[in-house]
Amino acid sequence: MFRSNGNLTRKEAAAYLRISVRTLDHLAHEGDIPYSKLGNGPRARVLYQRRDLDAYLERTKVDPKRVARKILEGT
């Protein structure tokens, strides 16, 4: 399903992260996920590196024990 060279299209990157393409576009626009743009204009091809997506997932990973502790403490 995904390319072996690590480059993913918008649709592939969104599927990899299990989010919508619109959410991916928002994250990229906000600078949370780096991307490469090939060409100019509205039809330019946008590619994402799998390692950048993995880094984003690692940064945003939620620790279930920490969440449970906060709930129990009431904060």
PDB file of N, CA and C in Angstrom:
ATOM      1  N   MET A   1       0.812  -1.197   0.000  1.00  0.00           N
ATOM      2  CA  MET A   1       0.000   0.000   0.000  1.00  0.00           C
ATOM      3  C   MET A   1       0.854   1.259   0.000  1.00  0.00           C
ATOM      4  N   PHE A   2       1.909   1.296   0.830  1.00  0.00           N
ATOM      5  CA  PHE A   2       2.756   2.476   0.905  1.00  0.00           C
ATOM      6  C   PHE A   2       4.041   2.252   0.118  1.00  0.00           C
ATOM      7  N   ARG A   3       4.575   3.310  -0.406  1.00  0.00           N
ATOM      8  CA  ARG A   3       5.797   3.228  -1.198  1.00  0.00           C
ATOM      9  C   ARG A   3       6.989   2.820  -0.326  1.00  0.00           C
ATOM     10  N   SER A   4       7.913   2.106  -0.920  1.00  0.00           N
ATOM     11  CA  SER A   4       9.074   1.628  -0.167  1.00  0.00           C
ATOM     12  C   SER A   4      10.116   2.724   0.046  1.00  0.00           C
ATOM     13  N   ASN A   5      10.086   3.803  -0.749  1.00  0.00           N
ATOM     14  CA  ASN A   5      11.091   4.853  -0.621  1.00  0.00           C
ATOM     15  C   ASN A   5      10.789   5.833   0.513  1.00  0.00           C
ATOM     16  N   GLY A   6       9.668   5.690   1.184  1.00  0.00           N
ATOM     17  CA  GLY A   6       9.356   6.555   2.315  1.00  0.00           C
ATOM     18  C   GLY A   6       8.555   7.785   1.966  1.00  0.00           C
ATOM     19  N   ASN A   7       8.354   8.071   0.674  1.00  0.00           N
ATOM     20  CA  ASN A   7       7.548   9.216   0.266  1.00  0.00           C
ATOM     21  C   ASN A   7       6.087   8.817   0.177  1.00  0.00           C
ATOM     22  N   LEU A   8       5.221   9.559   0.862  1.00  0.00           N
ATOM     23  CA  LEU A   8       3.797   9.262   0.838  1.00  0.00           C
ATOM     24  C   LEU A   8       3.024  10.472   0.329  1.00  0.00           C
ATOM     25  N   THR A   9       1.979  10.212  -0.439  1.00  0.00           N
ATOM     26  CA  THR A   9       1.100  11.280  -0.898  1.00  0.00           C
ATOM     27  C   THR A   9       0.250  11.759   0.278  1.00  0.00           C
ATOM     28  N   ARG A  10      -0.522  12.797   0.063  1.00  0.00           N
ATOM     29  CA  ARG A  10      -1.407  13.307   1.120  1.00  0.00           C
ATOM     30  C   ARG A  10      -2.372  12.229   1.584  1.00  0.00           C
ATOM     31  N   LYS A  11      -2.977  11.550   0.645  1.00  0.00           N
ATOM     32  CA  LYS A  11      -3.950  10.518   0.975  1.00  0.00           C
ATOM     33  C   LYS A  11      -3.293   9.353   1.729  1.00  0.00           C
ATOM     34  N   GLU A  12      -2.127   8.927   1.270  1.00  0.00           N
ATOM     35  CA  GLU A  12      -1.407   7.846   1.932  1.00  0.00           C
ATOM     36  C   GLU A  12      -0.951   8.249   3.334  1.00  0.00           C
ATOM     37  N   ALA A  13      -0.455   9.479   3.471  1.00  0.00           N
ATOM     38  CA  ALA A  13       0.009   9.961   4.778  1.00  0.00           C
ATOM     39  C   ALA A  13      -1.155  10.045   5.757  1.00  0.00           C
ATOM     40  N   ALA A  14      -2.296  10.520   5.303  1.00  0.00           N
ATOM     41  CA  ALA A  14      -3.476  10.603   6.171  1.00  0.00           C
ATOM     42  C   ALA A  14      -3.908   9.206   6.610  1.00  0.00           C
ATOM     43  N   ALA A  15      -3.891   8.256   5.701  1.00  0.00           N
ATOM     44  CA  ALA A  15      -4.253   6.878   6.047  1.00  0.00           C
ATOM     45  C   ALA A  15      -3.244   6.300   7.038  1.00  0.00           C
ATOM     46  N   TYR A  16      -1.973   6.588   6.844  1.00  0.00           N
ATOM     47  CA  TYR A  16      -0.920   6.100   7.739  1.00  0.00           C
ATOM     48  C   TYR A  16      -1.127   6.618   9.160  1.00  0.00           C
ATOM     49  N   LEU A  17      -1.524   7.894   9.280  1.00  0.00           N
ATOM     50  CA  LEU A  17      -1.763   8.493  10.593  1.00  0.00           C
ATOM     51  C   LEU A  17      -3.164   8.221  11.127  1.00  0.00           C
ATOM     52  N   ARG A  18      -4.024   7.679  10.259  1.00  0.00           N
ATOM     53  CA  ARG A  18      -5.427   7.413  10.594  1.00  0.00           C
ATOM     54  C   ARG A  18      -6.172   8.709  10.943  1.00  0.00           C
ATOM     55  N   ILE A  19      -5.961   9.705  10.084  1.00  0.00           N
ATOM     56  CA  ILE A  19      -6.655  10.987  10.204  1.00  0.00           C
ATOM     57  C   ILE A  19      -7.170  11.360   8.821  1.00  0.00           C
ATOM     58  N   SER A  20      -7.983  12.401   8.747  1.00  0.00           N
ATOM     59  CA  SER A  20      -8.485  12.841   7.448  1.00  0.00           C
ATOM     60  C   SER A  20      -7.412  13.649   6.719  1.00  0.00           C
ATOM     61  N   VAL A  21      -7.563  13.759   5.411  1.00  0.00           N
ATOM     62  CA  VAL A  21      -6.645  14.568   4.611  1.00  0.00           C
ATOM     63  C   VAL A  21      -6.732  16.026   5.056  1.00  0.00           C
ATOM     64  N   ARG A  22      -7.929  16.465   5.386  1.00  0.00           N
ATOM     65  CA  ARG A  22      -8.111  17.848   5.843  1.00  0.00           C
ATOM     66  C   ARG A  22      -7.334  18.109   7.142  1.00  0.00           C
ATOM     67  N   THR A  23      -7.381  17.153   8.080  1.00  0.00           N
ATOM     68  CA  THR A  23      -6.630  17.300   9.326  1.00  0.00           C
ATOM     69  C   THR A  23      -5.134  17.295   9.040  1.00  0.00           C
ATOM     70  N   LEU A  24      -4.686  16.434   8.138  1.00  0.00           N
ATOM     71  CA  LEU A  24      -3.278  16.402   7.746  1.00  0.00           C
ATOM     72  C   LEU A  24      -2.855  17.748   7.170  1.00  0.00           C
ATOM     73  N   ASP A  25      -3.684  18.307   6.287  1.00  0.00           N
ATOM     74  CA  ASP A  25      -3.380  19.616   5.699  1.00  0.00           C
ATOM     75  C   ASP A  25      -3.254  20.678   6.787  1.00  0.00           C
ATOM     76  N   HIS A  26      -4.130  20.634   7.773  1.00  0.00           N
ATOM     77  CA  HIS A  26      -4.085  21.600   8.880  1.00  0.00           C
ATOM     78  C   HIS A  26      -2.785  21.437   9.681  1.00  0.00           C
ATOM     79  N   LEU A  27      -2.422  20.201  10.003  1.00  0.00           N
ATOM     80  CA  LEU A  27      -1.190  19.949  10.754  1.00  0.00           C
ATOM     81  C   LEU A  27       0.034  20.414   9.976  1.00  0.00           C
ATOM     82  N   ALA A  28       0.033  20.185   8.676  1.00  0.00           N
ATOM     83  CA  ALA A  28       1.150  20.620   7.835  1.00  0.00           C
ATOM     84  C   ALA A  28       1.212  22.146   7.780  1.00  0.00           C
ATOM     85  N   HIS A  29       0.061  22.784   7.622  1.00  0.00           N
ATOM     86  CA  HIS A  29      -0.005  24.247   7.556  1.00  0.00           C
ATOM     87  C   HIS A  29       0.484  24.882   8.864  1.00  0.00           C
ATOM     88  N   GLU A  30       0.164  24.244   9.994  1.00  0.00           N
ATOM     89  CA  GLU A  30       0.584  24.745  11.310  1.00  0.00           C
ATOM     90  C   GLU A  30       2.054  24.455  11.592  1.00  0.00           C
ATOM     91  N   GLY A  31       2.700  23.642  10.754  1.00  0.00           N
ATOM     92  CA  GLY A  31       4.110  23.316  10.937  1.00  0.00           C
ATOM     93  C   GLY A  31       4.366  22.115  11.826  1.00  0.00           C
ATOM     94  N   ASP A  32       3.321  21.383  12.182  1.00  0.00           N
ATOM     95  CA  ASP A  32       3.483  20.216  13.035  1.00  0.00           C
ATOM     96  C   ASP A  32       4.080  19.027  12.281  1.00  0.00           C
ATOM     97  N   ILE A  33       3.834  18.964  10.980  1.00  0.00           N
ATOM     98  CA  ILE A  33       4.353  17.874  10.153  1.00  0.00           C
ATOM     99  C   ILE A  33       5.019  18.487   8.920  1.00  0.00           C
ATOM    100  N   PRO A  34       6.310  18.241   8.721  1.00  0.00           N
ATOM    101  CA  PRO A  34       6.989  18.772   7.532  1.00  0.00           C
ATOM    102  C   PRO A  34       6.551  18.040   6.257  1.00  0.00           C
ATOM    103  N   TYR A  35       6.639  18.733   5.139  1.00  0.00           N
ATOM    104  CA  TYR A  35       6.276  18.155   3.843  1.00  0.00           C
ATOM    105  C   TYR A  35       7.122  18.773   2.745  1.00  0.00           C
ATOM    106  N   SER A  36       7.119  18.128   1.597  1.00  0.00           N
ATOM    107  CA  SER A  36       7.807  18.646   0.418  1.00  0.00           C
ATOM    108  C   SER A  36       6.767  18.916  -0.647  1.00  0.00           C
ATOM    109  N   LYS A  37       6.914  20.038  -1.318  1.00  0.00           N
ATOM    110  CA  LYS A  37       5.986  20.416  -2.366  1.00  0.00           C
ATOM    111  C   LYS A  37       6.723  20.407  -3.696  1.00  0.00           C
ATOM    112  N   LEU A  38       6.224  19.623  -4.636  1.00  0.00           N
ATOM    113  CA  LEU A  38       6.837  19.519  -5.950  1.00  0.00           C
ATOM    114  C   LEU A  38       6.013  20.316  -6.948  1.00  0.00           C
ATOM    115  N   GLY A  39       6.547  21.437  -7.376  1.00  0.00           N
ATOM    116  CA  GLY A  39       5.846  22.291  -8.309  1.00  0.00           C
ATOM    117  C   GLY A  39       5.204  23.472  -7.610  1.00  0.00           C
ATOM    118  N   ASN A  40       4.523  24.280  -8.404  1.00  0.00           N
ATOM    119  CA  ASN A  40       3.855  25.480  -7.890  1.00  0.00           C
ATOM    120  C   ASN A  40       2.371  25.408  -8.209  1.00  0.00           C
ATOM    121  N   GLY A  41       1.618  26.196  -7.513  1.00  0.00           N
ATOM    122  CA  GLY A  41       0.196  26.287  -7.803  1.00  0.00           C
ATOM    123  C   GLY A  41      -0.636  25.293  -7.025  1.00  0.00           C
ATOM    124  N   PRO A  42      -1.934  25.356  -7.257  1.00  0.00           N
ATOM    125  CA  PRO A  42      -2.861  24.522  -6.490  1.00  0.00           C
ATOM    126  C   PRO A  42      -2.772  23.030  -6.800  1.00  0.00           C
ATOM    127  N   ARG A  43      -2.207  22.678  -7.949  1.00  0.00           N
ATOM    128  CA  ARG A  43      -2.107  21.263  -8.311  1.00  0.00           C
ATOM    129  C   ARG A  43      -0.732  20.680  -8.042  1.00  0.00           C
ATOM    130  N   ALA A  44       0.094  21.402  -7.290  1.00  0.00           N
ATOM    131  CA  ALA A  44       1.437  20.917  -6.963  1.00  0.00           C
ATOM    132  C   ALA A  44       1.332  19.655  -6.122  1.00  0.00           C
ATOM    133  N   ARG A  45       2.243  18.749  -6.317  1.00  0.00           N
ATOM    134  CA  ARG A  45       2.236  17.478  -5.580  1.00  0.00           C
ATOM    135  C   ARG A  45       2.892  17.687  -4.214  1.00  0.00           C
ATOM    136  N   VAL A  46       2.236  17.200  -3.175  1.00  0.00           N
ATOM    137  CA  VAL A  46       2.741  17.301  -1.806  1.00  0.00           C
ATOM    138  C   VAL A  46       3.100  15.900  -1.338  1.00  0.00           C
ATOM    139  N   LEU A  47       4.325  15.753  -0.811  1.00  0.00           N
ATOM    140  CA  LEU A  47       4.783  14.458  -0.327  1.00  0.00           C
ATOM    141  C   LEU A  47       5.238  14.576   1.129  1.00  0.00           C
ATOM    142  N   TYR A  48       5.044  13.494   1.856  1.00  0.00           N
ATOM    143  CA  TYR A  48       5.437  13.408   3.255  1.00  0.00           C
ATOM    144  C   TYR A  48       6.413  12.261   3.423  1.00  0.00           C
ATOM    145  N   GLN A  49       7.402  12.446   4.292  1.00  0.00           N
ATOM    146  CA  GLN A  49       8.347  11.386   4.606  1.00  0.00           C
ATOM    147  C   GLN A  49       7.795  10.550   5.760  1.00  0.00           C
ATOM    148  N   ARG A  50       7.871   9.238   5.623  1.00  0.00           N
ATOM    149  CA  ARG A  50       7.363   8.352   6.667  1.00  0.00           C
ATOM    150  C   ARG A  50       8.057   8.615   8.001  1.00  0.00           C
ATOM    151  N   ARG A  51       9.354   8.926   7.981  1.00  0.00           N
ATOM    152  CA  ARG A  51      10.075   9.185   9.231  1.00  0.00           C
ATOM    153  C   ARG A  51       9.533  10.434   9.934  1.00  0.00           C
ATOM    154  N   ASP A  52       9.082  11.432   9.164  1.00  0.00           N
ATOM    155  CA  ASP A  52       8.486  12.629   9.765  1.00  0.00           C
ATOM    156  C   ASP A  52       7.132  12.305  10.392  1.00  0.00           C
ATOM    157  N   LEU A  53       6.380  11.421   9.753  1.00  0.00           N
ATOM    158  CA  LEU A  53       5.092  11.014  10.308  1.00  0.00           C
ATOM    159  C   LEU A  53       5.294  10.197  11.583  1.00  0.00           C
ATOM    160  N   ASP A  54       6.303   9.319  11.575  1.00  0.00           N
ATOM    161  CA  ASP A  54       6.613   8.531  12.770  1.00  0.00           C
ATOM    162  C   ASP A  54       7.049   9.446  13.917  1.00  0.00           C
ATOM    163  N   ALA A  55       7.837  10.467  13.604  1.00  0.00           N
ATOM    164  CA  ALA A  55       8.281  11.416  14.628  1.00  0.00           C
ATOM    165  C   ALA A  55       7.086  12.177  15.206  1.00  0.00           C
ATOM    166  N   TYR A  56       6.141  12.552  14.364  1.00  0.00           N
ATOM    167  CA  TYR A  56       4.936  13.231  14.845  1.00  0.00           C
ATOM    168  C   TYR A  56       4.151  12.320  15.785  1.00  0.00           C
ATOM    169  N   LEU A  57       3.989  11.053  15.397  1.00  0.00           N
ATOM    170  CA  LEU A  57       3.266  10.103  16.239  1.00  0.00           C
ATOM    171  C   LEU A  57       3.958   9.939  17.591  1.00  0.00           C
ATOM    172  N   GLU A  58       5.271   9.895  17.583  1.00  0.00           N
ATOM    173  CA  GLU A  58       6.023   9.744  18.834  1.00  0.00           C
ATOM    174  C   GLU A  58       5.864  10.977  19.724  1.00  0.00           C
ATOM    175  N   ARG A  59       5.891  12.170  19.117  1.00  0.00           N
ATOM    176  CA  ARG A  59       5.735  13.424  19.888  1.00  0.00           C
ATOM    177  C   ARG A  59       4.356  13.548  20.509  1.00  0.00           C
ATOM    178  N   THR A  60       3.361  13.019  19.832  1.00  0.00           N
ATOM    179  CA  THR A  60       1.980  13.209  20.293  1.00  0.00           C
ATOM    180  C   THR A  60       1.434  11.983  21.018  1.00  0.00           C
ATOM    181  N   LYS A  61       2.298  11.018  21.287  1.00  0.00           N
ATOM    182  CA  LYS A  61       1.856   9.800  21.969  1.00  0.00           C
ATOM    183  C   LYS A  61       1.369  10.144  23.375  1.00  0.00           C
ATOM    184  N   VAL A  62       0.261   9.546  23.744  1.00  0.00           N
ATOM    185  CA  VAL A  62      -0.332   9.773  25.061  1.00  0.00           C
ATOM    186  C   VAL A  62       0.041   8.601  25.969  1.00  0.00           C
ATOM    187  N   ASP A  63       0.507   8.919  27.168  1.00  0.00           N
ATOM    188  CA  ASP A  63       0.846   7.895  28.149  1.00  0.00           C
ATOM    189  C   ASP A  63      -0.403   7.596  28.975  1.00  0.00           C
ATOM    190  N   PRO A  64      -1.001   6.407  28.821  1.00  0.00           N
ATOM    191  CA  PRO A  64      -2.252   6.086  29.519  1.00  0.00           C
ATOM    192  C   PRO A  64      -2.138   6.165  31.044  1.00  0.00           C
ATOM    193  N   LYS A  65      -0.986   5.799  31.596  1.00  0.00           N
ATOM    194  CA  LYS A  65      -0.802   5.870  33.053  1.00  0.00           C
ATOM    195  C   LYS A  65      -0.842   7.313  33.538  1.00  0.00           C
ATOM    196  N   ARG A  66      -0.229   8.207  32.766  1.00  0.00           N
ATOM    197  CA  ARG A  66      -0.223   9.622  33.140  1.00  0.00           C
ATOM    198  C   ARG A  66      -1.639  10.200  33.088  1.00  0.00           C
ATOM    199  N   VAL A  67      -2.394   9.822  32.076  1.00  0.00           N
ATOM    200  CA  VAL A  67      -3.776  10.291  31.943  1.00  0.00           C
ATOM    201  C   VAL A  67      -4.615   9.790  33.108  1.00  0.00           C
ATOM    202  N   ALA A  68      -4.470   8.496  33.451  1.00  0.00           N
ATOM    203  CA  ALA A  68      -5.230   7.918  34.562  1.00  0.00           C
ATOM    204  C   ALA A  68      -4.870   8.613  35.866  1.00  0.00           C
ATOM    205  N   ARG A  69      -3.597   8.916  36.074  1.00  0.00           N
ATOM    206  CA  ARG A  69      -3.159   9.606  37.294  1.00  0.00           C
ATOM    207  C   ARG A  69      -3.798  10.988  37.387  1.00  0.00           C
ATOM    208  N   LYS A  70      -3.849  11.714  36.279  1.00  0.00           N
ATOM    209  CA  LYS A  70      -4.462  13.048  36.272  1.00  0.00           C
ATOM    210  C   LYS A  70      -5.946  12.960  36.580  1.00  0.00           C
ATOM    211  N   ILE A  71      -6.603  11.944  36.059  1.00  0.00           N
ATOM    212  CA  ILE A  71      -8.038  11.771  36.329  1.00  0.00           C
ATOM    213  C   ILE A  71      -8.257  11.498  37.801  1.00  0.00           C
ATOM    214  N   LEU A  72      -7.446  10.628  38.380  1.00  0.00           N
ATOM    215  CA  LEU A  72      -7.593  10.289  39.790  1.00  0.00           C
ATOM    216  C   LEU A  72      -7.282  11.483  40.701  1.00  0.00           C
ATOM    217  N   GLU A  73      -6.333  12.317  40.276  1.00  0.00           N
ATOM    218  CA  GLU A  73      -5.979  13.502  41.073  1.00  0.00           C
ATOM    219  C   GLU A  73      -6.988  14.631  40.887  1.00  0.00           C
ATOM    220  N   GLY A  74      -7.791  14.531  39.846  1.00  0.00           N
ATOM    221  CA  GLY A  74      -8.791  15.560  39.585  1.00  0.00           C
ATOM    222  C   GLY A  74      -8.246  16.807  38.925  1.00  0.00           C
ATOM    223  N   THR A  75      -7.102  16.685  38.221  1.00  0.00           N
ATOM    224  CA  THR A  75      -6.522  17.851  37.527  1.00  0.00           C
ATOM    225  C   THR A  75      -6.663  17.720  36.054  1.00  0.00           C
TER     226      THR A  75
END
